[in-house]
Amino acid sequence: MRPYPRTRQLDETVKEILAEIIERQVTDPRLEFVTVTGCSVTRDMRYATVFVTAHGGPERYAEMLAGFESARGRIRALLGERARMKFVPELTFEVDESVDEGARIDTALRVETAKERRLAGLRREVRAEEHAAEDAGTEAGAGAGTSVGGEA
């Protein structure tokens, strides 16, 4: 289904409001250092899926989701106070795994870049050794054709 500009704007508005509510008004320690990465409100505005991630990675996700389950009613009530909407959507919280996937890709790229730099360095060393061997062979060959004392 193609998103409408109004729906995209609503998604962004709800995301920003929820991020601020979670940061400033929810005191559950399980929700500390949580980032709201996205929000998708249905066209009828009755439901919203909120995508979240937590610093600390996958080990922390179950704890974070339990915190959201516990605070869901309060978060929804605070959203209703702040958002000018006909309906306050039912909230569902889901882990945004794209952040972890991006981190894995970044790490893999860094490892590959480091390997490539090491290989490039080794190639330069091999070329330098080859040139040194060629230069030594040329000097030895040039010295073999000359006679000592001027006699040929």
C-alpha atoms as a PDB file:
ATOM      1  CA  MET A   1       0.000   0.000   0.000  1.00  0.00           C
ATOM      2  CA  ARG A   2       1.334   3.406  -0.978  1.00  0.00           C
ATOM      3  CA  PRO A   3       1.787   5.787   1.947  1.00  0.00           C
ATOM      4  CA  TYR A   4      -0.018   9.089   1.753  1.00  0.00           C
ATOM      5  CA  PRO A   5       1.767  12.340   2.663  1.00  0.00           C
ATOM      6  CA  ARG A   6      -0.700  12.917   5.528  1.00  0.00           C
ATOM      7  CA  THR A   7      -0.025   9.424   6.908  1.00  0.00           C
ATOM      8  CA  ARG A   8       3.739   9.956   6.675  1.00  0.00           C
ATOM      9  CA  GLN A   9       3.411  13.260   8.500  1.00  0.00           C
ATOM     10  CA  LEU A  10       1.255  11.638  11.179  1.00  0.00           C
ATOM     11  CA  ASP A  11       3.790   8.790  11.545  1.00  0.00           C
ATOM     12  CA  GLU A  12       6.587  11.303  12.072  1.00  0.00           C
ATOM     13  CA  THR A  13       4.565  13.422  14.504  1.00  0.00           C
ATOM     14  CA  VAL A  14       3.571  10.414  16.629  1.00  0.00           C
ATOM     15  CA  LYS A  15       7.179   9.165  16.567  1.00  0.00           C
ATOM     16  CA  GLU A  16       8.498  12.512  17.837  1.00  0.00           C
ATOM     17  CA  ILE A  17       5.866  12.790  20.569  1.00  0.00           C
ATOM     18  CA  LEU A  18       6.453   9.218  21.751  1.00  0.00           C
ATOM     19  CA  ALA A  19      10.225   9.702  21.776  1.00  0.00           C
ATOM     20  CA  GLU A  20       9.833  12.760  23.979  1.00  0.00           C
ATOM     21  CA  ILE A  21       7.326  11.024  26.290  1.00  0.00           C
ATOM     22  CA  ILE A  22       9.603   8.013  26.725  1.00  0.00           C
ATOM     23  CA  GLU A  23      12.631  10.187  27.362  1.00  0.00           C
ATOM     24  CA  ARG A  24      11.063  12.684  29.745  1.00  0.00           C
ATOM     25  CA  GLN A  25       7.941  11.250  31.316  1.00  0.00           C
ATOM     26  CA  VAL A  26       8.383   7.502  31.652  1.00  0.00           C
ATOM     27  CA  THR A  27      10.547   6.515  34.597  1.00  0.00           C
ATOM     28  CA  ASP A  28      10.732   2.752  34.041  1.00  0.00           C
ATOM     29  CA  PRO A  29      14.464   1.866  34.161  1.00  0.00           C
ATOM     30  CA  ARG A  30      13.898  -0.778  31.473  1.00  0.00           C
ATOM     31  CA  LEU A  31      13.148   2.047  29.071  1.00  0.00           C
ATOM     32  CA  GLU A  32      16.297   4.059  29.678  1.00  0.00           C
ATOM     33  CA  PHE A  33      18.438   4.638  26.589  1.00  0.00           C
ATOM     34  CA  VAL A  34      15.642   3.508  24.273  1.00  0.00           C
ATOM     35  CA  THR A  35      15.410   5.075  20.829  1.00  0.00           C
ATOM     36  CA  VAL A  36      12.200   5.350  18.833  1.00  0.00           C
ATOM     37  CA  THR A  37      13.311   4.714  15.256  1.00  0.00           C
ATOM     38  CA  GLY A  38       9.961   4.801  13.500  1.00  0.00           C
ATOM     39  CA  CYS A  39       6.222   4.694  13.745  1.00  0.00           C
ATOM     40  CA  SER A  40       3.502   3.418  11.450  1.00  0.00           C
ATOM     41  CA  VAL A  41      -0.061   4.536  12.087  1.00  0.00           C
ATOM     42  CA  THR A  42      -2.833   2.694  10.245  1.00  0.00           C
ATOM     43  CA  ARG A  43      -4.970   4.695   7.806  1.00  0.00           C
ATOM     44  CA  ASP A  44      -7.930   4.577  10.168  1.00  0.00           C
ATOM     45  CA  MET A  45      -5.629   5.912  12.929  1.00  0.00           C
ATOM     46  CA  ARG A  46      -6.748   3.253  15.393  1.00  0.00           C
ATOM     47  CA  TYR A  47      -3.436   1.388  15.663  1.00  0.00           C
ATOM     48  CA  ALA A  48       0.205   2.357  15.628  1.00  0.00           C
ATOM     49  CA  THR A  49       3.284   0.182  15.477  1.00  0.00           C
ATOM     50  CA  VAL A  50       6.213   1.862  17.177  1.00  0.00           C
ATOM     51  CA  PHE A  51       9.692   0.668  16.213  1.00  0.00           C
ATOM     52  CA  VAL A  52      12.262   0.890  18.983  1.00  0.00           C
ATOM     53  CA  THR A  53      15.789  -0.141  19.737  1.00  0.00           C
ATOM     54  CA  ALA A  54      17.916  -0.079  22.862  1.00  0.00           C
ATOM     55  CA  HIS A  55      21.548   0.546  23.535  1.00  0.00           C
ATOM     56  CA  GLY A  56      23.012  -2.710  24.716  1.00  0.00           C
ATOM     57  CA  GLY A  57      21.792  -4.712  21.767  1.00  0.00           C
ATOM     58  CA  PRO A  58      19.705  -7.843  21.437  1.00  0.00           C
ATOM     59  CA  GLU A  59      20.368  -8.986  25.001  1.00  0.00           C
ATOM     60  CA  ARG A  60      18.273  -6.094  26.217  1.00  0.00           C
ATOM     61  CA  TYR A  61      15.292  -6.382  23.892  1.00  0.00           C
ATOM     62  CA  ALA A  62      13.109  -8.689  26.030  1.00  0.00           C
ATOM     63  CA  GLU A  63      13.604  -6.418  29.041  1.00  0.00           C
ATOM     64  CA  MET A  64      12.808  -3.332  26.967  1.00  0.00           C
ATOM     65  CA  LEU A  65       9.634  -4.863  25.484  1.00  0.00           C
ATOM     66  CA  ALA A  66       8.483  -5.873  28.979  1.00  0.00           C
ATOM     67  CA  GLY A  67       8.965  -2.244  30.041  1.00  0.00           C
ATOM     68  CA  PHE A  68       6.847  -1.057  27.122  1.00  0.00           C
ATOM     69  CA  GLU A  69       4.156  -3.603  27.910  1.00  0.00           C
ATOM     70  CA  SER A  70       4.057  -2.301  31.480  1.00  0.00           C
ATOM     71  CA  ALA A  71       4.002   1.387  30.463  1.00  0.00           C
ATOM     72  CA  ARG A  72       1.772   1.042  27.368  1.00  0.00           C
ATOM     73  CA  GLY A  73      -1.341   2.568  29.013  1.00  0.00           C
ATOM     74  CA  ARG A  74       0.532   5.534  30.465  1.00  0.00           C
ATOM     75  CA  ILE A  75       2.355   6.199  27.208  1.00  0.00           C
ATOM     76  CA  ARG A  76      -0.931   6.066  25.269  1.00  0.00           C
ATOM     77  CA  ALA A  77      -2.627   8.435  27.746  1.00  0.00           C
ATOM     78  CA  LEU A  78       0.259  10.910  27.472  1.00  0.00           C
ATOM     79  CA  LEU A  79       0.115  10.641  23.674  1.00  0.00           C
ATOM     80  CA  GLY A  80      -3.611  11.457  23.845  1.00  0.00           C
ATOM     81  CA  GLU A  81      -2.879  14.582  25.882  1.00  0.00           C
ATOM     82  CA  ARG A  82      -0.258  15.836  23.435  1.00  0.00           C
ATOM     83  CA  ALA A  83      -1.463  14.761  19.996  1.00  0.00           C
ATOM     84  CA  ARG A  84      -4.390  16.384  18.229  1.00  0.00           C
ATOM     85  CA  MET A  85      -5.972  13.264  16.796  1.00  0.00           C
ATOM     86  CA  LYS A  86      -9.525  12.029  16.419  1.00  0.00           C
ATOM     87  CA  PHE A  87      -8.476   8.688  17.946  1.00  0.00           C
ATOM     88  CA  VAL A  88      -5.539   7.813  20.161  1.00  0.00           C
ATOM     89  CA  PRO A  89      -4.128   4.710  18.529  1.00  0.00           C
ATOM     90  CA  GLU A  90      -3.534   1.420  20.312  1.00  0.00           C
ATOM     91  CA  LEU A  91       0.229   1.078  20.541  1.00  0.00           C
ATOM     92  CA  THR A  92       2.286  -1.952  19.632  1.00  0.00           C
ATOM     93  CA  PHE A  93       6.027  -1.840  20.239  1.00  0.00           C
ATOM     94  CA  GLU A  94       8.411  -3.784  18.014  1.00  0.00           C
ATOM     95  CA  VAL A  95      12.173  -4.062  18.000  1.00  0.00           C
ATOM     96  CA  ASP A  96      13.740  -2.357  14.978  1.00  0.00           C
ATOM     97  CA  GLU A  97      16.343  -4.894  13.947  1.00  0.00           C
ATOM     98  CA  SER A  98      17.539  -2.758  11.037  1.00  0.00           C
ATOM     99  CA  VAL A  99      19.745  -0.843  13.482  1.00  0.00           C
ATOM    100  CA  ASP A 100      21.493  -4.074  14.487  1.00  0.00           C
ATOM    101  CA  GLU A 101      21.753  -5.142  10.847  1.00  0.00           C
ATOM    102  CA  GLY A 102      23.314  -1.791   9.985  1.00  0.00           C
ATOM    103  CA  ALA A 103      25.832  -2.217  12.812  1.00  0.00           C
ATOM    104  CA  ARG A 104      26.707  -5.725  11.570  1.00  0.00           C
ATOM    105  CA  ILE A 105      27.194  -4.425   8.036  1.00  0.00           C
ATOM    106  CA  ASP A 106      29.319  -1.528   9.291  1.00  0.00           C
ATOM    107  CA  THR A 107      31.517  -3.918  11.270  1.00  0.00           C
ATOM    108  CA  ALA A 108      31.888  -6.250   8.291  1.00  0.00           C
ATOM    109  CA  LEU A 109      32.853  -3.339   6.037  1.00  0.00           C
ATOM    110  CA  ARG A 110      35.422  -2.114   8.549  1.00  0.00           C
ATOM    111  CA  VAL A 111      36.956  -5.606   8.795  1.00  0.00           C
ATOM    112  CA  GLU A 112      37.089  -5.939   5.001  1.00  0.00           C
ATOM    113  CA  THR A 113      38.626  -2.468   4.637  1.00  0.00           C
ATOM    114  CA  ALA A 114      41.319  -3.352   7.190  1.00  0.00           C
ATOM    115  CA  LYS A 115      42.057  -6.619   5.344  1.00  0.00           C
ATOM    116  CA  GLU A 116      42.268  -4.784   2.032  1.00  0.00           C
ATOM    117  CA  ARG A 117      44.692  -2.230   3.506  1.00  0.00           C
ATOM    118  CA  ARG A 118      46.893  -5.020   4.878  1.00  0.00           C
ATOM    119  CA  LEU A 119      46.897  -6.769   1.494  1.00  0.00           C
ATOM    120  CA  ALA A 120      47.750  -3.519  -0.290  1.00  0.00           C
ATOM    121  CA  GLY A 121      50.653  -3.017   2.133  1.00  0.00           C
ATOM    122  CA  LEU A 122      51.890  -6.562   1.511  1.00  0.00           C
ATOM    123  CA  ARG A 123      51.653  -6.042  -2.254  1.00  0.00           C
ATOM    124  CA  ARG A 124      53.738  -2.862  -1.964  1.00  0.00           C
ATOM    125  CA  GLU A 125      56.352  -4.735   0.079  1.00  0.00           C
ATOM    126  CA  VAL A 126      56.531  -7.557  -2.491  1.00  0.00           C
ATOM    127  CA  ARG A 127      56.893  -5.069  -5.358  1.00  0.00           C
ATOM    128  CA  ALA A 128      59.604  -3.199  -3.468  1.00  0.00           C
ATOM    129  CA  GLU A 129      61.484  -6.473  -2.883  1.00  0.00           C
ATOM    130  CA  GLU A 130      61.103  -7.426  -6.561  1.00  0.00           C
ATOM    131  CA  HIS A 131      62.447  -4.026  -7.663  1.00  0.00           C
ATOM    132  CA  ALA A 132      65.341  -4.329  -5.240  1.00  0.00           C
ATOM    133  CA  ALA A 133      66.156  -7.800  -6.596  1.00  0.00           C
ATOM    134  CA  GLU A 134      65.962  -6.528 -10.193  1.00  0.00           C
ATOM    135  CA  ASP A 135      68.224  -3.584  -9.362  1.00  0.00           C
ATOM    136  CA  ALA A 136      70.726  -5.895  -7.664  1.00  0.00           C
ATOM    137  CA  GLY A 137      70.685  -8.233 -10.694  1.00  0.00           C
ATOM    138  CA  THR A 138      71.202  -5.327 -13.110  1.00  0.00           C
ATOM    139  CA  GLU A 139      74.158  -4.027 -11.126  1.00  0.00           C
ATOM    140  CA  ALA A 140      75.728  -7.492 -10.996  1.00  0.00           C
ATOM    141  CA  GLY A 141      75.224  -7.954 -14.747  1.00  0.00           C
ATOM    142  CA  ALA A 142      76.726  -4.551 -15.556  1.00  0.00           C
ATOM    143  CA  GLY A 143      79.808  -5.284 -13.462  1.00  0.00           C
ATOM    144  CA  ALA A 144      80.447  -8.659 -15.186  1.00  0.00           C
ATOM    145  CA  GLY A 145      81.038  -7.108 -18.640  1.00  0.00           C
ATOM    146  CA  THR A 146      83.841  -4.730 -17.564  1.00  0.00           C
ATOM    147  CA  SER A 147      87.428  -5.700 -17.164  1.00  0.00           C
ATOM    148  CA  VAL A 148      89.740  -4.791 -14.359  1.00  0.00           C
ATOM    149  CA  GLY A 149      92.790  -2.787 -15.350  1.00  0.00           C
ATOM    150  CA  GLY A 150      91.392  -1.649 -18.673  1.00  0.00           C
ATOM    151  CA  GLU A 151      92.062  -4.918 -20.584  1.00  0.00           C
ATOM    152  CA  ALA A 152      89.275  -6.517 -22.494  1.00  0.00           C
END
